[in-house]
Amino acid sequence: MDDSLKACLKETALDLYRSGLMSEATLREFNVLNLAKVKTLSATQIRKLRRNQKVSQAVFAALLNVSKSTVQQWEQGKKKPGGASLKLLNLVSEKGLEALF
């Protein structure tokens, strides 16, 4: 779905909520359904993401609140990030490290 269409739908839902035509629970459900999908990242993509941000593995690990060895294992393909770590990697991929500050 196009970003401008998503923004329009989100604003419409918010207007419906403000006018009393949509409940808070329904608005929450709408927001959850429209969360950005978390993409799986390969070892190469993770290494490239870190290098593009111009940080060491140690700094990247500290910013993501994981160990340096975890970042090393991700970049070597020995481990795959999941859950909150994968969500943070997606956030950094889309918005840069500044999103974490």
Protein backbone atom coordinates (compact mmCIF):
# COMPACT_ATOMS: atom_id res chain seq x y z
CA MET A 1 0.00 0.00 0.00
CA ASP A 2 1.26 3.47 -0.90
CA ASP A 3 2.58 5.56 2.04
CA SER A 4 0.30 8.51 1.24
CA LEU A 5 -2.72 6.20 1.24
CA LYS A 6 -1.65 4.72 4.59
CA ALA A 7 -1.29 8.22 6.04
CA CYS A 8 -4.74 9.17 4.74
CA LEU A 9 -6.35 6.06 6.23
CA LYS A 10 -4.62 6.63 9.56
CA GLU A 11 -5.81 10.25 9.67
CA THR A 12 -9.35 9.16 8.77
CA ALA A 13 -9.37 6.59 11.57
CA LEU A 14 -8.10 9.21 14.01
CA ASP A 15 -10.83 11.63 12.89
CA LEU A 16 -13.46 8.92 13.38
CA TYR A 17 -12.13 8.29 16.89
CA ARG A 18 -12.09 12.01 17.75
CA SER A 19 -15.67 12.41 16.54
CA GLY A 20 -16.83 9.48 18.67
CA LEU A 21 -17.63 7.20 15.73
CA MET A 22 -14.77 4.79 16.47
CA SER A 23 -13.93 3.32 19.87
CA GLU A 24 -10.47 3.51 21.39
CA ALA A 25 -10.20 -0.30 21.17
CA THR A 26 -11.00 -0.25 17.45
CA LEU A 27 -8.44 2.52 16.87
CA ARG A 28 -5.81 0.44 18.69
CA GLU A 29 -6.68 -2.59 16.53
CA PHE A 30 -6.43 -0.44 13.40
CA ASN A 31 -2.99 0.82 14.46
CA VAL A 32 -1.74 -2.70 15.19
CA LEU A 33 -2.94 -3.97 11.81
CA ASN A 34 -1.10 -1.15 10.07
CA LEU A 35 2.27 -1.61 11.74
CA ALA A 36 5.16 -1.91 9.33
CA LYS A 37 6.03 -5.52 8.60
CA VAL A 38 9.33 -6.71 10.02
CA LYS A 39 11.62 -7.95 7.27
CA THR A 40 14.07 -10.79 7.74
CA LEU A 41 17.66 -9.66 7.18
CA SER A 42 20.47 -11.86 5.88
CA ALA A 43 23.97 -11.92 7.36
CA THR A 44 25.20 -9.83 4.43
CA GLN A 45 22.41 -7.28 4.87
CA ILE A 46 23.16 -6.90 8.58
CA ARG A 47 26.89 -6.42 7.95
CA LYS A 48 26.13 -3.89 5.19
CA LEU A 49 23.66 -2.06 7.44
CA ARG A 50 26.25 -1.73 10.21
CA ARG A 51 28.98 -0.62 7.82
CA ASN A 52 26.67 1.93 6.19
CA GLN A 53 26.06 3.38 9.66
CA LYS A 54 29.86 3.59 10.08
CA VAL A 55 30.03 1.86 13.46
CA SER A 56 32.04 -1.04 14.83
CA GLN A 57 30.44 -4.29 15.87
CA ALA A 58 30.94 -3.31 19.51
CA VAL A 59 29.16 0.04 19.08
CA PHE A 60 26.38 -1.52 17.00
CA ALA A 61 25.89 -4.18 19.68
CA ALA A 62 25.73 -1.58 22.46
CA LEU A 63 23.15 0.47 20.57
CA LEU A 64 20.99 -2.62 19.97
CA ASN A 65 21.51 -3.84 23.56
CA VAL A 66 23.03 -7.14 22.47
CA SER A 67 26.53 -8.59 22.85
CA LYS A 68 29.30 -8.05 20.34
CA SER A 69 29.42 -11.81 19.79
CA THR A 70 25.72 -11.76 18.86
CA VAL A 71 26.40 -9.17 16.14
CA GLN A 72 29.37 -11.26 14.96
CA GLN A 73 27.18 -14.36 14.77
CA TRP A 74 24.48 -12.48 12.86
CA GLU A 75 27.04 -11.21 10.36
CA GLN A 76 28.53 -14.69 9.95
CA GLY A 77 25.11 -16.27 9.47
CA LYS A 78 25.51 -18.47 12.57
CA LYS A 79 22.53 -16.86 14.26
CA LYS A 80 19.48 -15.00 13.01
CA PRO A 81 18.04 -11.99 14.84
CA GLY A 82 14.45 -12.26 15.97
CA GLY A 83 11.86 -10.46 18.04
CA ALA A 84 12.87 -7.05 19.35
CA SER A 85 16.36 -7.29 17.84
CA LEU A 86 14.97 -7.81 14.35
CA LYS A 87 12.50 -4.96 14.87
CA LEU A 88 15.37 -2.64 15.92
CA LEU A 89 17.45 -3.69 12.91
CA ASN A 90 14.50 -2.87 10.64
CA LEU A 91 14.12 0.50 12.36
CA VAL A 92 17.83 1.29 11.86
CA SER A 93 17.54 0.15 8.24
CA GLU A 94 14.66 2.55 7.61
CA LYS A 95 15.57 5.53 9.81
CA GLY A 96 19.26 5.20 10.67
CA LEU A 97 20.88 4.94 14.08
CA GLU A 98 19.38 8.32 15.05
CA ALA A 99 16.07 6.51 15.61
CA LEU A 100 17.62 4.81 18.64
CA PHE A 101 18.59 8.03 20.41
